Amino acid sequence: MPRYEYICKSCSYNFEVQQSFSDDPLTVCEKCGGELRKVFGNIGITFKGSGFYKTDSRSSSASTVPPTSNIDTTPAASSDTVKPANDAPAPAAPAPAASPSTTPAAS
């Protein structure tokens, strides 16, 4: 049989009681006669099988999607300007200068 936890709304008395599924929930505090409410706690859940992880439903080509942008979205303290992200890509290196041809010229 399951155990249920109750707390009194008047005196905050907290207790557990073992009840059948078919039993009616308790409504009156045994200490002060105040109204009771059921306390619901966390339960442990274990997901088994495929499809429960974010990598299970994706193909290998979907893993190359770039992450979301790192734009600073926090509101500015005293101005309405938007700051650009600090991690902008570096400028491309200049192309190497063309070297003169080393083959002899035809005469």
PDB file of N, CA and C in Angstrom:
ATOM      1  N   MET A   1       0.842  -1.182   0.000  1.00  0.00           N
ATOM      2  CA  MET A   1       0.000   0.000   0.000  1.00  0.00           C
ATOM      3  C   MET A   1       0.889   1.247   0.000  1.00  0.00           C
ATOM      4  N   PRO A   2       0.465   2.278  -0.704  1.00  0.00           N
ATOM      5  CA  PRO A   2       1.274   3.504  -0.778  1.00  0.00           C
ATOM      6  C   PRO A   2       1.185   4.335   0.500  1.00  0.00           C
ATOM      7  N   ARG A   3       2.227   5.152   0.687  1.00  0.00           N
ATOM      8  CA  ARG A   3       2.261   6.083   1.816  1.00  0.00           C
ATOM      9  C   ARG A   3       2.028   7.480   1.268  1.00  0.00           C
ATOM     10  N   TYR A   4       1.185   8.244   1.941  1.00  0.00           N
ATOM     11  CA  TYR A   4       0.871   9.608   1.536  1.00  0.00           C
ATOM     12  C   TYR A   4       1.310  10.565   2.620  1.00  0.00           C
ATOM     13  N   GLU A   5       1.788  11.722   2.207  1.00  0.00           N
ATOM     14  CA  GLU A   5       2.210  12.753   3.147  1.00  0.00           C
ATOM     15  C   GLU A   5       1.156  13.861   3.146  1.00  0.00           C
ATOM     16  N   TYR A   6       0.807  14.326   4.338  1.00  0.00           N
ATOM     17  CA  TYR A   6      -0.169  15.393   4.515  1.00  0.00           C
ATOM     18  C   TYR A   6       0.463  16.488   5.351  1.00  0.00           C
ATOM     19  N   ILE A   7      -0.057  17.733   5.173  1.00  0.00           N
ATOM     20  CA  ILE A   7       0.345  18.862   6.002  1.00  0.00           C
ATOM     21  C   ILE A   7      -0.902  19.663   6.338  1.00  0.00           C
ATOM     22  N   CYS A   8      -0.954  20.133   7.583  1.00  0.00           N
ATOM     23  CA  CYS A   8      -2.104  20.912   8.039  1.00  0.00           C
ATOM     24  C   CYS A   8      -1.929  22.361   7.593  1.00  0.00           C
ATOM     25  N   LYS A   9      -2.984  22.948   7.055  1.00  0.00           N
ATOM     26  CA  LYS A   9      -2.930  24.342   6.617  1.00  0.00           C
ATOM     27  C   LYS A   9      -2.934  25.303   7.802  1.00  0.00           C
ATOM     28  N   SER A  10      -3.431  24.858   8.966  1.00  0.00           N
ATOM     29  CA  SER A  10      -3.521  25.730  10.140  1.00  0.00           C
ATOM     30  C   SER A  10      -2.263  25.685  11.004  1.00  0.00           C
ATOM     31  N   CYS A  11      -1.857  24.474  11.426  1.00  0.00           N
ATOM     32  CA  CYS A  11      -0.737  24.360  12.374  1.00  0.00           C
ATOM     33  C   CYS A  11       0.548  23.847  11.745  1.00  0.00           C
ATOM     34  N   SER A  12       0.545  23.557  10.446  1.00  0.00           N
ATOM     35  CA  SER A  12       1.705  23.058   9.690  1.00  0.00           C
ATOM     36  C   SER A  12       2.207  21.710  10.184  1.00  0.00           C
ATOM     37  N   TYR A  13       1.358  20.934  10.838  1.00  0.00           N
ATOM     38  CA  TYR A  13       1.715  19.585  11.265  1.00  0.00           C
ATOM     39  C   TYR A  13       1.875  18.721  10.027  1.00  0.00           C
ATOM     40  N   ASN A  14       3.011  18.029   9.936  1.00  0.00           N
ATOM     41  CA  ASN A  14       3.357  17.232   8.764  1.00  0.00           C
ATOM     42  C   ASN A  14       3.458  15.769   9.186  1.00  0.00           C
ATOM     43  N   PHE A  15       2.758  14.877   8.481  1.00  0.00           N
ATOM     44  CA  PHE A  15       2.809  13.460   8.820  1.00  0.00           C
ATOM     45  C   PHE A  15       2.560  12.611   7.586  1.00  0.00           C
ATOM     46  N   GLU A  16       2.907  11.313   7.698  1.00  0.00           N
ATOM     47  CA  GLU A  16       2.671  10.339   6.639  1.00  0.00           C
ATOM     48  C   GLU A  16       1.692   9.299   7.142  1.00  0.00           C
ATOM     49  N   VAL A  17       0.902   8.767   6.219  1.00  0.00           N
ATOM     50  CA  VAL A  17      -0.044   7.717   6.554  1.00  0.00           C
ATOM     51  C   VAL A  17      -0.085   6.712   5.400  1.00  0.00           C
ATOM     52  N   GLN A  18      -0.222   5.439   5.748  1.00  0.00           N
ATOM     53  CA  GLN A  18      -0.328   4.385   4.741  1.00  0.00           C
ATOM     54  C   GLN A  18      -1.808   4.175   4.438  1.00  0.00           C
ATOM     55  N   GLN A  19      -2.177   4.339   3.165  1.00  0.00           N
ATOM     56  CA  GLN A  19      -3.574   4.224   2.750  1.00  0.00           C
ATOM     57  C   GLN A  19      -3.674   3.382   1.494  1.00  0.00           C
ATOM     58  N   SER A  20      -4.820   2.774   1.323  1.00  0.00           N
ATOM     59  CA  SER A  20      -5.110   2.028   0.112  1.00  0.00           C
ATOM     60  C   SER A  20      -5.489   3.017  -0.989  1.00  0.00           C
ATOM     61  N   PHE A  21      -5.391   2.594  -2.233  1.00  0.00           N
ATOM     62  CA  PHE A  21      -5.807   3.448  -3.348  1.00  0.00           C
ATOM     63  C   PHE A  21      -7.292   3.781  -3.263  1.00  0.00           C
ATOM     64  N   SER A  22      -8.072   2.877  -2.711  1.00  0.00           N
ATOM     65  CA  SER A  22      -9.519   3.082  -2.652  1.00  0.00           C
ATOM     66  C   SER A  22      -9.947   3.942  -1.457  1.00  0.00           C
ATOM     67  N   ASP A  23      -9.048   4.202  -0.487  1.00  0.00           N
ATOM     68  CA  ASP A  23      -9.389   5.036   0.668  1.00  0.00           C
ATOM     69  C   ASP A  23      -9.536   6.494   0.253  1.00  0.00           C
ATOM     70  N   ASP A  24     -10.457   7.197   0.913  1.00  0.00           N
ATOM     71  CA  ASP A  24     -10.621   8.627   0.688  1.00  0.00           C
ATOM     72  C   ASP A  24      -9.455   9.372   1.337  1.00  0.00           C
ATOM     73  N   PRO A  25      -9.018  10.501   0.739  1.00  0.00           N
ATOM     74  CA  PRO A  25      -7.927  11.262   1.350  1.00  0.00           C
ATOM     75  C   PRO A  25      -8.379  11.872   2.677  1.00  0.00           C
ATOM     76  N   LEU A  26      -7.412  12.047   3.598  1.00  0.00           N
ATOM     77  CA  LEU A  26      -7.717  12.658   4.888  1.00  0.00           C
ATOM     78  C   LEU A  26      -8.001  14.149   4.697  1.00  0.00           C
ATOM     79  N   THR A  27      -8.879  14.708   5.517  1.00  0.00           N
ATOM     80  CA  THR A  27      -9.251  16.117   5.375  1.00  0.00           C
ATOM     81  C   THR A  27      -9.121  16.905   6.671  1.00  0.00           C
ATOM     82  N   VAL A  28      -9.050  16.225   7.837  1.00  0.00           N
ATOM     83  CA  VAL A  28      -9.027  16.914   9.130  1.00  0.00           C
ATOM     84  C   VAL A  28      -7.739  16.560   9.873  1.00  0.00           C
ATOM     85  N   CYS A  29      -7.039  17.593  10.390  1.00  0.00           N
ATOM     86  CA  CYS A  29      -5.812  17.402  11.141  1.00  0.00           C
ATOM     87  C   CYS A  29      -6.120  16.730  12.471  1.00  0.00           C
ATOM     88  N   GLU A  30      -5.331  15.722  12.840  1.00  0.00           N
ATOM     89  CA  GLU A  30      -5.546  15.015  14.099  1.00  0.00           C
ATOM     90  C   GLU A  30      -5.046  15.811  15.300  1.00  0.00           C
ATOM     91  N   LYS A  31      -4.216  16.840  15.086  1.00  0.00           N
ATOM     92  CA  LYS A  31      -3.682  17.663  16.182  1.00  0.00           C
ATOM     93  C   LYS A  31      -4.602  18.842  16.513  1.00  0.00           C
ATOM     94  N   CYS A  32      -5.003  19.610  15.472  1.00  0.00           N
ATOM     95  CA  CYS A  32      -5.765  20.839  15.730  1.00  0.00           C
ATOM     96  C   CYS A  32      -7.150  20.863  15.098  1.00  0.00           C
ATOM     97  N   GLY A  33      -7.479  19.901  14.269  1.00  0.00           N
ATOM     98  CA  GLY A  33      -8.776  19.877  13.601  1.00  0.00           C
ATOM     99  C   GLY A  33      -8.836  20.749  12.358  1.00  0.00           C
ATOM    100  N   GLY A  34      -7.680  21.302  11.926  1.00  0.00           N
ATOM    101  CA  GLY A  34      -7.633  22.156  10.739  1.00  0.00           C
ATOM    102  C   GLY A  34      -7.697  21.347   9.450  1.00  0.00           C
ATOM    103  N   GLU A  35      -7.704  22.058   8.348  1.00  0.00           N
ATOM    104  CA  GLU A  35      -7.809  21.421   7.030  1.00  0.00           C
ATOM    105  C   GLU A  35      -6.446  20.887   6.584  1.00  0.00           C
ATOM    106  N   LEU A  36      -6.449  19.677   6.014  1.00  0.00           N
ATOM    107  CA  LEU A  36      -5.232  19.049   5.519  1.00  0.00           C
ATOM    108  C   LEU A  36      -5.128  19.185   4.005  1.00  0.00           C
ATOM    109  N   ARG A  37      -3.897  19.116   3.532  1.00  0.00           N
ATOM    110  CA  ARG A  37      -3.667  19.007   2.088  1.00  0.00           C
ATOM    111  C   ARG A  37      -2.589  17.969   1.869  1.00  0.00           C
ATOM    112  N   LYS A  38      -2.692  17.259   0.743  1.00  0.00           N
ATOM    113  CA  LYS A  38      -1.704  16.252   0.382  1.00  0.00           C
ATOM    114  C   LYS A  38      -0.441  16.935  -0.118  1.00  0.00           C
ATOM    115  N   VAL A  39       0.707  16.393   0.251  1.00  0.00           N
ATOM    116  CA  VAL A  39       1.993  16.901  -0.216  1.00  0.00           C
ATOM    117  C   VAL A  39       2.478  15.945  -1.299  1.00  0.00           C
ATOM    118  N   PHE A  40       2.766  16.489  -2.469  1.00  0.00           N
ATOM    119  CA  PHE A  40       3.254  15.679  -3.581  1.00  0.00           C
ATOM    120  C   PHE A  40       4.748  15.916  -3.727  1.00  0.00           C
ATOM    121  N   GLY A  41       5.532  14.847  -3.680  1.00  0.00           N
ATOM    122  CA  GLY A  41       6.977  14.955  -3.807  1.00  0.00           C
ATOM    123  C   GLY A  41       7.444  14.509  -5.168  1.00  0.00           C
ATOM    124  N   ASN A  42       8.747  14.560  -5.352  1.00  0.00           N
ATOM    125  CA  ASN A  42       9.342  14.112  -6.612  1.00  0.00           C
ATOM    126  C   ASN A  42       9.372  12.590  -6.653  1.00  0.00           C
ATOM    127  N   ILE A  43       9.264  12.066  -7.840  1.00  0.00           N
ATOM    128  CA  ILE A  43       9.355  10.623  -8.018  1.00  0.00           C
ATOM    129  C   ILE A  43      10.512  10.327  -8.952  1.00  0.00           C
ATOM    130  N   GLY A  44      11.077   9.154  -8.827  1.00  0.00           N
ATOM    131  CA  GLY A  44      12.173   8.765  -9.712  1.00  0.00           C
ATOM    132  C   GLY A  44      11.634   8.138 -10.975  1.00  0.00           C
ATOM    133  N   ILE A  45      12.126   8.585 -12.119  1.00  0.00           N
ATOM    134  CA  ILE A  45      11.699   8.053 -13.414  1.00  0.00           C
ATOM    135  C   ILE A  45      12.931   7.608 -14.180  1.00  0.00           C
ATOM    136  N   THR A  46      12.852   6.454 -14.768  1.00  0.00           N
ATOM    137  CA  THR A  46      13.925   5.956 -15.621  1.00  0.00           C
ATOM    138  C   THR A  46      13.355   5.701 -17.006  1.00  0.00           C
ATOM    139  N   PHE A  47      13.909   6.390 -18.007  1.00  0.00           N
ATOM    140  CA  PHE A  47      13.484   6.200 -19.385  1.00  0.00           C
ATOM    141  C   PHE A  47      14.382   5.144 -20.018  1.00  0.00           C
ATOM    142  N   LYS A  48      13.790   4.097 -20.530  1.00  0.00           N
ATOM    143  CA  LYS A  48      14.562   3.033 -21.162  1.00  0.00           C
ATOM    144  C   LYS A  48      14.174   2.930 -22.623  1.00  0.00           C
ATOM    145  N   GLY A  49      15.113   2.546 -23.438  1.00  0.00           N
ATOM    146  CA  GLY A  49      14.851   2.392 -24.863  1.00  0.00           C
ATOM    147  C   GLY A  49      15.415   3.548 -25.651  1.00  0.00           C
ATOM    148  N   SER A  50      15.173   3.538 -26.940  1.00  0.00           N
ATOM    149  CA  SER A  50      15.713   4.604 -27.784  1.00  0.00           C
ATOM    150  C   SER A  50      14.699   5.737 -27.915  1.00  0.00           C
ATOM    151  N   GLY A  51      15.204   6.906 -28.250  1.00  0.00           N
ATOM    152  CA  GLY A  51      14.345   8.057 -28.482  1.00  0.00           C
ATOM    153  C   GLY A  51      14.231   9.009 -27.318  1.00  0.00           C
ATOM    154  N   PHE A  52      14.929   8.748 -26.208  1.00  0.00           N
ATOM    155  CA  PHE A  52      14.816   9.610 -25.043  1.00  0.00           C
ATOM    156  C   PHE A  52      15.954  10.611 -24.926  1.00  0.00           C
ATOM    157  N   TYR A  53      16.981  10.472 -25.725  1.00  0.00           N
ATOM    158  CA  TYR A  53      18.093  11.389 -25.684  1.00  0.00           C
ATOM    159  C   TYR A  53      18.083  12.226 -26.952  1.00  0.00           C
ATOM    160  N   LYS A  54      18.590  13.464 -26.873  1.00  0.00           N
ATOM    161  CA  LYS A  54      18.518  14.345 -28.036  1.00  0.00           C
ATOM    162  C   LYS A  54      19.328  13.831 -29.210  1.00  0.00           C
ATOM    163  N   THR A  55      20.289  12.964 -28.975  1.00  0.00           N
ATOM    164  CA  THR A  55      21.085  12.419 -30.078  1.00  0.00           C
ATOM    165  C   THR A  55      20.424  11.213 -30.730  1.00  0.00           C
ATOM    166  N   ASP A  56      19.398  10.638 -30.109  1.00  0.00           N
ATOM    167  CA  ASP A  56      18.754   9.456 -30.675  1.00  0.00           C
ATOM    168  C   ASP A  56      17.934   9.754 -31.921  1.00  0.00           C
ATOM    169  N   SER A  57      17.344  10.925 -32.009  1.00  0.00           N
ATOM    170  CA  SER A  57      16.433  11.202 -33.109  1.00  0.00           C
ATOM    171  C   SER A  57      17.069  12.039 -34.215  1.00  0.00           C
ATOM    172  N   ARG A  58      18.348  12.239 -34.153  1.00  0.00           N
ATOM    173  CA  ARG A  58      19.017  13.047 -35.172  1.00  0.00           C
ATOM    174  C   ARG A  58      19.888  12.185 -36.059  1.00  0.00           C
ATOM    175  N   SER A  59      19.980  12.582 -37.312  1.00  0.00           N
ATOM    176  CA  SER A  59      20.896  11.890 -38.208  1.00  0.00           C
ATOM    177  C   SER A  59      22.276  12.497 -38.042  1.00  0.00           C
ATOM    178  N   SER A  60      23.295  11.859 -38.585  1.00  0.00           N
ATOM    179  CA  SER A  60      24.655  12.357 -38.423  1.00  0.00           C
ATOM    180  C   SER A  60      24.861  13.688 -39.131  1.00  0.00           C
ATOM    181  N   SER A  61      24.111  13.969 -40.203  1.00  0.00           N
ATOM    182  CA  SER A  61      24.266  15.241 -40.910  1.00  0.00           C
ATOM    183  C   SER A  61      23.665  16.399 -40.132  1.00  0.00           C
ATOM    184  N   ALA A  62      22.738  16.142 -39.236  1.00  0.00           N
ATOM    185  CA  ALA A  62      22.117  17.216 -38.454  1.00  0.00           C
ATOM    186  C   ALA A  62      23.052  17.720 -37.366  1.00  0.00           C
ATOM    187  N   SER A  63      24.104  16.983 -37.041  1.00  0.00           N
ATOM    188  CA  SER A  63      25.009  17.409 -35.973  1.00  0.00           C
ATOM    189  C   SER A  63      25.929  18.534 -36.419  1.00  0.00           C
ATOM    190  N   THR A  64      25.917  18.896 -37.709  1.00  0.00           N
ATOM    191  CA  THR A  64      26.779  19.962 -38.194  1.00  0.00           C
ATOM    192  C   THR A  64      26.086  21.315 -38.182  1.00  0.00           C
ATOM    193  N   VAL A  65      24.893  21.407 -37.601  1.00  0.00           N
ATOM    194  CA  VAL A  65      24.169  22.677 -37.522  1.00  0.00           C
ATOM    195  C   VAL A  65      24.908  23.584 -36.553  1.00  0.00           C
ATOM    196  N   PRO A  66      25.216  24.837 -36.935  1.00  0.00           N
ATOM    197  CA  PRO A  66      25.964  25.716 -36.041  1.00  0.00           C
ATOM    198  C   PRO A  66      25.124  26.088 -34.820  1.00  0.00           C
ATOM    199  N   PRO A  67      25.785  26.380 -33.690  1.00  0.00           N
ATOM    200  CA  PRO A  67      25.051  26.772 -32.490  1.00  0.00           C
ATOM    201  C   PRO A  67      24.413  28.139 -32.666  1.00  0.00           C
ATOM    202  N   THR A  68      23.536  28.495 -31.741  1.00  0.00           N
ATOM    203  CA  THR A  68      22.861  29.785 -31.812  1.00  0.00           C
ATOM    204  C   THR A  68      23.854  30.910 -31.612  1.00  0.00           C
ATOM    205  N   SER A  69      23.491  32.092 -32.013  1.00  0.00           N
ATOM    206  CA  SER A  69      24.343  33.266 -31.945  1.00  0.00           C
ATOM    207  C   SER A  69      24.613  33.669 -30.505  1.00  0.00           C
ATOM    208  N   ASN A  70      25.756  34.274 -30.254  1.00  0.00           N
ATOM    209  CA  ASN A  70      26.138  34.728 -28.914  1.00  0.00           C
ATOM    210  C   ASN A  70      25.969  36.235 -28.785  1.00  0.00           C
ATOM    211  N   ILE A  71      24.906  36.786 -29.323  1.00  0.00           N
ATOM    212  CA  ILE A  71      24.660  38.223 -29.243  1.00  0.00           C
ATOM    213  C   ILE A  71      24.234  38.557 -27.832  1.00  0.00           C
ATOM    214  N   ASP A  72      24.797  39.637 -27.281  1.00  0.00           N
ATOM    215  CA  ASP A  72      24.469  40.073 -25.929  1.00  0.00           C
ATOM    216  C   ASP A  72      23.062  40.657 -25.933  1.00  0.00           C
ATOM    217  N   THR A  73      22.120  39.979 -25.262  1.00  0.00           N
ATOM    218  CA  THR A  73      20.732  40.431 -25.252  1.00  0.00           C
ATOM    219  C   THR A  73      20.337  41.069 -23.936  1.00  0.00           C
ATOM    220  N   THR A  74      21.300  41.305 -23.050  1.00  0.00           N
ATOM    221  CA  THR A  74      20.965  41.963 -21.791  1.00  0.00           C
ATOM    222  C   THR A  74      20.681  43.429 -22.047  1.00  0.00           C
ATOM    223  N   PRO A  75      19.703  44.017 -21.341  1.00  0.00           N
ATOM    224  CA  PRO A  75      19.376  45.411 -21.582  1.00  0.00           C
ATOM    225  C   PRO A  75      20.514  46.320 -21.134  1.00  0.00           C
ATOM    226  N   ALA A  76      20.752  47.373 -21.906  1.00  0.00           N
ATOM    227  CA  ALA A  76      21.794  48.333 -21.576  1.00  0.00           C
ATOM    228  C   ALA A  76      21.369  49.146 -20.363  1.00  0.00           C
ATOM    229  N   ALA A  77      22.328  49.547 -19.539  1.00  0.00           N
ATOM    230  CA  ALA A  77      22.010  50.257 -18.305  1.00  0.00           C
ATOM    231  C   ALA A  77      21.488  51.660 -18.578  1.00  0.00           C
ATOM    232  N   SER A  78      22.133  52.414 -19.483  1.00  0.00           N
ATOM    233  CA  SER A  78      21.707  53.790 -19.671  1.00  0.00           C
ATOM    234  C   SER A  78      21.561  54.193 -21.126  1.00  0.00           C
ATOM    235  N   SER A  79      21.716  53.276 -22.055  1.00  0.00           N
ATOM    236  CA  SER A  79      21.582  53.658 -23.457  1.00  0.00           C
ATOM    237  C   SER A  79      20.818  52.583 -24.208  1.00  0.00           C
ATOM    238  N   ASP A  80      20.327  52.938 -25.371  1.00  0.00           N
ATOM    239  CA  ASP A  80      19.544  52.008 -26.178  1.00  0.00           C
ATOM    240  C   ASP A  80      20.366  51.372 -27.286  1.00  0.00           C
ATOM    241  N   THR A  81      21.686  51.520 -27.251  1.00  0.00           N
ATOM    242  CA  THR A  81      22.516  50.941 -28.301  1.00  0.00           C
ATOM    243  C   THR A  81      22.716  49.459 -28.056  1.00  0.00           C
ATOM    244  N   VAL A  82      22.912  48.719 -29.123  1.00  0.00           N
ATOM    245  CA  VAL A  82      23.143  47.279 -29.044  1.00  0.00           C
ATOM    246  C   VAL A  82      24.616  47.026 -29.229  1.00  0.00           C
ATOM    247  N   LYS A  83      25.196  46.251 -28.331  1.00  0.00           N
ATOM    248  CA  LYS A  83      26.618  45.922 -28.428  1.00  0.00           C
ATOM    249  C   LYS A  83      26.807  44.737 -29.373  1.00  0.00           C
ATOM    250  N   PRO A  84      27.806  44.781 -30.253  1.00  0.00           N
ATOM    251  CA  PRO A  84      28.072  43.604 -31.085  1.00  0.00           C
ATOM    252  C   PRO A  84      28.757  42.530 -30.238  1.00  0.00           C
ATOM    253  N   ALA A  85      28.660  41.317 -30.672  1.00  0.00           N
ATOM    254  CA  ALA A  85      29.298  40.208 -29.963  1.00  0.00           C
ATOM    255  C   ALA A  85      30.810  40.368 -30.026  1.00  0.00           C
ATOM    256  N   ASN A  86      31.496  40.027 -28.942  1.00  0.00           N
ATOM    257  CA  ASN A  86      32.952  40.162 -28.878  1.00  0.00           C
ATOM    258  C   ASN A  86      33.671  39.053 -29.626  1.00  0.00           C
ATOM    259  N   ASP A  87      32.995  38.005 -29.968  1.00  0.00           N
ATOM    260  CA  ASP A  87      33.659  36.883 -30.616  1.00  0.00           C
ATOM    261  C   ASP A  87      33.438  36.882 -32.135  1.00  0.00           C
ATOM    262  N   ALA A  88      33.540  38.063 -32.748  1.00  0.00           N
ATOM    263  CA  ALA A  88      33.392  38.169 -34.201  1.00  0.00           C
ATOM    264  C   ALA A  88      34.563  37.446 -34.867  1.00  0.00           C
ATOM    265  N   PRO A  89      34.369  36.871 -36.042  1.00  0.00           N
ATOM    266  CA  PRO A  89      35.460  36.156 -36.697  1.00  0.00           C
ATOM    267  C   PRO A  89      36.591  37.108 -37.088  1.00  0.00           C
ATOM    268  N   ALA A  90      37.808  36.606 -37.046  1.00  0.00           N
ATOM    269  CA  ALA A  90      38.982  37.398 -37.413  1.00  0.00           C
ATOM    270  C   ALA A  90      38.957  37.692 -38.910  1.00  0.00           C
ATOM    271  N   PRO A  91      39.492  38.862 -39.313  1.00  0.00           N
ATOM    272  CA  PRO A  91      39.519  39.166 -40.755  1.00  0.00           C
ATOM    273  C   PRO A  91      40.420  38.174 -41.483  1.00  0.00           C
ATOM    274  N   ALA A  92      40.107  37.921 -42.727  1.00  0.00           N
ATOM    275  CA  ALA A  92      40.860  36.960 -43.532  1.00  0.00           C
ATOM    276  C   ALA A  92      42.261  37.489 -43.806  1.00  0.00           C
ATOM    277  N   ALA A  93      43.236  36.596 -43.897  1.00  0.00           N
ATOM    278  CA  ALA A  93      44.621  36.981 -44.188  1.00  0.00           C
ATOM    279  C   ALA A  93      44.708  37.463 -45.635  1.00  0.00           C
ATOM    280  N   PRO A  94      45.560  38.462 -45.889  1.00  0.00           N
ATOM    281  CA  PRO A  94      45.678  38.950 -47.278  1.00  0.00           C
ATOM    282  C   PRO A  94      46.281  37.870 -48.175  1.00  0.00           C
ATOM    283  N   ALA A  95      45.892  37.899 -49.446  1.00  0.00           N
ATOM    284  CA  ALA A  95      46.384  36.920 -50.420  1.00  0.00           C
ATOM    285  C   ALA A  95      47.866  37.184 -50.688  1.00  0.00           C
ATOM    286  N   PRO A  96      48.679  36.136 -50.907  1.00  0.00           N
ATOM    287  CA  PRO A  96      50.109  36.349 -51.196  1.00  0.00           C
ATOM    288  C   PRO A  96      50.271  37.098 -52.512  1.00  0.00           C
ATOM    289  N   ALA A  97      51.294  37.933 -52.546  1.00  0.00           N
ATOM    290  CA  ALA A  97      51.568  38.710 -53.760  1.00  0.00           C
ATOM    291  C   ALA A  97      52.009  37.778 -54.890  1.00  0.00           C
ATOM    292  N   ALA A  98      51.600  38.116 -56.106  1.00  0.00           N
ATOM    293  CA  ALA A  98      51.952  37.289 -57.262  1.00  0.00           C
ATOM    294  C   ALA A  98      53.456  37.455 -57.531  1.00  0.00           C
ATOM    295  N   SER A  99      54.138  36.352 -57.704  1.00  0.00           N
ATOM    296  CA  SER A  99      55.573  36.397 -57.980  1.00  0.00           C
ATOM    297  C   SER A  99      55.795  36.353 -59.480  1.00  0.00           C
ATOM    298  N   PRO A 100      56.880  36.958 -59.947  1.00  0.00           N
ATOM    299  CA  PRO A 100      57.154  36.930 -61.396  1.00  0.00           C
ATOM    300  C   PRO A 100      57.418  35.502 -61.857  1.00  0.00           C
ATOM    301  N   SER A 101      57.091  35.234 -63.075  1.00  0.00           N
ATOM    302  CA  SER A 101      57.240  33.894 -63.637  1.00  0.00           C
ATOM    303  C   SER A 101      58.719  33.533 -63.731  1.00  0.00           C
ATOM    304  N   THR A 102      59.063  32.326 -63.401  1.00  0.00           N
ATOM    305  CA  THR A 102      60.467  31.883 -63.454  1.00  0.00           C
ATOM    306  C   THR A 102      60.791  31.163 -64.750  1.00  0.00           C
ATOM    307  N   THR A 103      59.808  30.986 -65.618  1.00  0.00           N
ATOM    308  CA  THR A 103      60.095  30.318 -66.887  1.00  0.00           C
ATOM    309  C   THR A 103      60.692  31.345 -67.846  1.00  0.00           C
ATOM    310  N   PRO A 104      61.688  30.927 -68.653  1.00  0.00           N
ATOM    311  CA  PRO A 104      62.293  31.880 -69.598  1.00  0.00           C
ATOM    312  C   PRO A 104      61.281  32.308 -70.674  1.00  0.00           C
ATOM    313  N   ALA A 105      61.383  33.514 -71.009  1.00  0.00           N
ATOM    314  CA  ALA A 105      60.490  34.053 -72.023  1.00  0.00           C
ATOM    315  C   ALA A 105      60.891  33.521 -73.395  1.00  0.00           C
ATOM    316  N   ALA A 106      59.938  33.267 -74.217  1.00  0.00           N
ATOM    317  CA  ALA A 106      60.236  32.782 -75.571  1.00  0.00           C
ATOM    318  C   ALA A 106      60.701  33.928 -76.427  1.00  0.00           C
ATOM    319  N   SER A 107      61.780  33.720 -77.199  1.00  0.00           N
ATOM    320  CA  SER A 107      62.264  34.801 -78.043  1.00  0.00           C
ATOM    321  C   SER A 107      62.093  34.548 -79.490  1.00  0.00           C
TER     322      SER A 107
END
